[in-house]
Protein backbone atom coordinates (compact mmCIF):
# COMPACT_ATOMS: atom_id res chain seq x y z
CA UNK A 1 0.01 0.31 0.13
CA UNK A 2 1.54 3.32 -0.69
CA UNK A 3 1.25 6.39 1.83
CA UNK A 4 -0.74 9.42 0.18
CA UNK A 5 0.29 12.53 0.74
CA UNK A 6 -0.75 15.77 -0.03
CA UNK A 7 1.07 19.10 -1.92
CA UNK A 8 -0.16 22.43 0.30
CA UNK A 9 -2.78 22.99 -2.54
CA UNK A 10 -4.03 19.41 -2.91
CA UNK A 11 -4.30 19.74 0.89
CA UNK A 12 -5.95 23.39 1.42
CA UNK A 13 -8.29 22.41 -1.61
CA UNK A 14 -9.26 19.54 1.15
CA UNK A 15 -9.55 21.12 3.90
CA UNK A 16 -11.62 23.36 2.53
CA UNK A 17 -14.29 21.21 1.73
CA UNK A 18 -17.38 19.95 3.84
CA UNK A 19 -17.10 15.86 5.84
CA UNK A 20 -18.85 14.48 3.84
CA UNK A 21 -17.03 15.56 0.61
CA UNK A 22 -13.99 14.51 3.00
CA UNK A 23 -14.93 11.28 3.36
CA UNK A 24 -15.51 10.32 -0.31
CA UNK A 25 -12.38 11.79 -1.35
CA UNK A 26 -10.72 9.67 1.93
CA UNK A 27 -12.47 6.26 0.38
CA UNK A 28 -11.59 7.29 -3.51
CA UNK A 29 -7.88 7.79 -2.33
CA UNK A 30 -8.19 4.79 -0.26
CA UNK A 31 -8.77 2.43 -3.15
CA UNK A 32 -5.58 4.12 -5.94
CA UNK A 33 -3.31 3.66 -2.56
CA UNK A 34 -3.20 -0.09 -2.77
CA UNK A 35 -2.90 0.50 -6.78
CA UNK A 36 -2.07 3.82 -7.81
CA UNK A 37 -1.82 2.38 -11.60
CA UNK A 38 -5.36 1.71 -11.23
CA UNK A 39 -7.43 0.81 -14.58
CA UNK A 40 -9.70 3.88 -13.31
CA UNK A 41 -6.66 6.57 -13.25
CA UNK A 42 -4.85 7.21 -16.86
CA UNK A 43 -1.27 8.53 -16.40
CA UNK A 44 -0.32 12.65 -17.67
CA UNK A 45 1.89 13.81 -20.45
CA UNK A 46 4.35 11.23 -21.17
CA UNK A 47 5.61 9.78 -17.77
CA UNK A 48 3.77 7.32 -16.34
CA UNK A 49 3.64 8.41 -12.91
CA UNK A 50 2.07 11.33 -13.20
CA UNK A 51 -1.52 10.34 -12.84
CA UNK A 52 -4.81 11.60 -12.69
CA UNK A 53 -8.54 9.77 -11.55
CA UNK A 54 -11.86 10.21 -10.85
CA UNK A 55 -11.74 9.44 -7.08
CA UNK A 56 -15.88 9.70 -6.12
CA UNK A 57 -18.69 11.30 -8.52
CA UNK A 58 -17.57 15.09 -9.30
CA UNK A 59 -13.48 14.26 -7.80
CA UNK A 60 -11.10 14.16 -10.07
CA UNK A 61 -7.00 14.49 -8.34
CA UNK A 62 -4.31 14.70 -10.30
CA UNK A 63 -0.88 12.88 -7.63
CA UNK A 64 1.97 11.43 -9.09
CA UNK A 65 4.09 8.28 -7.45
CA UNK A 66 6.91 7.51 -6.57
CA UNK A 67 8.39 5.09 -4.30
CA UNK A 68 5.52 3.91 -1.53
CA UNK A 69 4.13 7.34 -1.89
CA UNK A 70 1.29 8.80 -3.97
CA UNK A 71 1.51 12.89 -3.95
CA UNK A 72 -1.67 13.80 -4.55
CA UNK A 73 -1.08 17.58 -6.09
CA UNK A 74 -4.86 19.02 -7.45
CA UNK A 75 -7.40 18.00 -6.26
CA UNK A 76 -10.87 19.49 -8.42
CA UNK A 77 -13.56 19.70 -7.70
CA UNK A 78 -16.75 20.07 -9.90
CA UNK A 79 -20.66 20.54 -7.67
CA UNK A 80 -20.94 23.69 -10.16
CA UNK A 81 -23.08 23.52 -13.37
CA UNK A 82 -23.62 26.27 -16.49
CA UNK A 83 -26.84 25.19 -16.53
CA UNK A 84 -29.75 25.89 -13.81
CA UNK A 85 -31.96 22.73 -13.22
CA UNK A 86 -35.62 24.43 -12.94
C-alpha cells in the first residue's frame, strides 16, 4: 500500500471541502493507495507516474507516484453547473 500525501495546495482544497465530501475523497484515495496505477486512472503527459483519476462523483485528483508515496497535487471539485435546474 502506498502512503498518501498532499501538496500544500491540494491539502488546502481538501480542508475546505465539507466533511461528507472529504470522506468520499478519502475513500477513493484509499482504493488508489492500494494500486495507484488502477485501471480507473490514466497517466498525464509522458510519465506514467503522473496520474489522474476521478475518485468520487465530482472529484478529480491529479497525483504522482514515487517510491512508496502517492502525492496528491491537484483536487478538482465539480459541484457547479453552467445550466440551472428548472
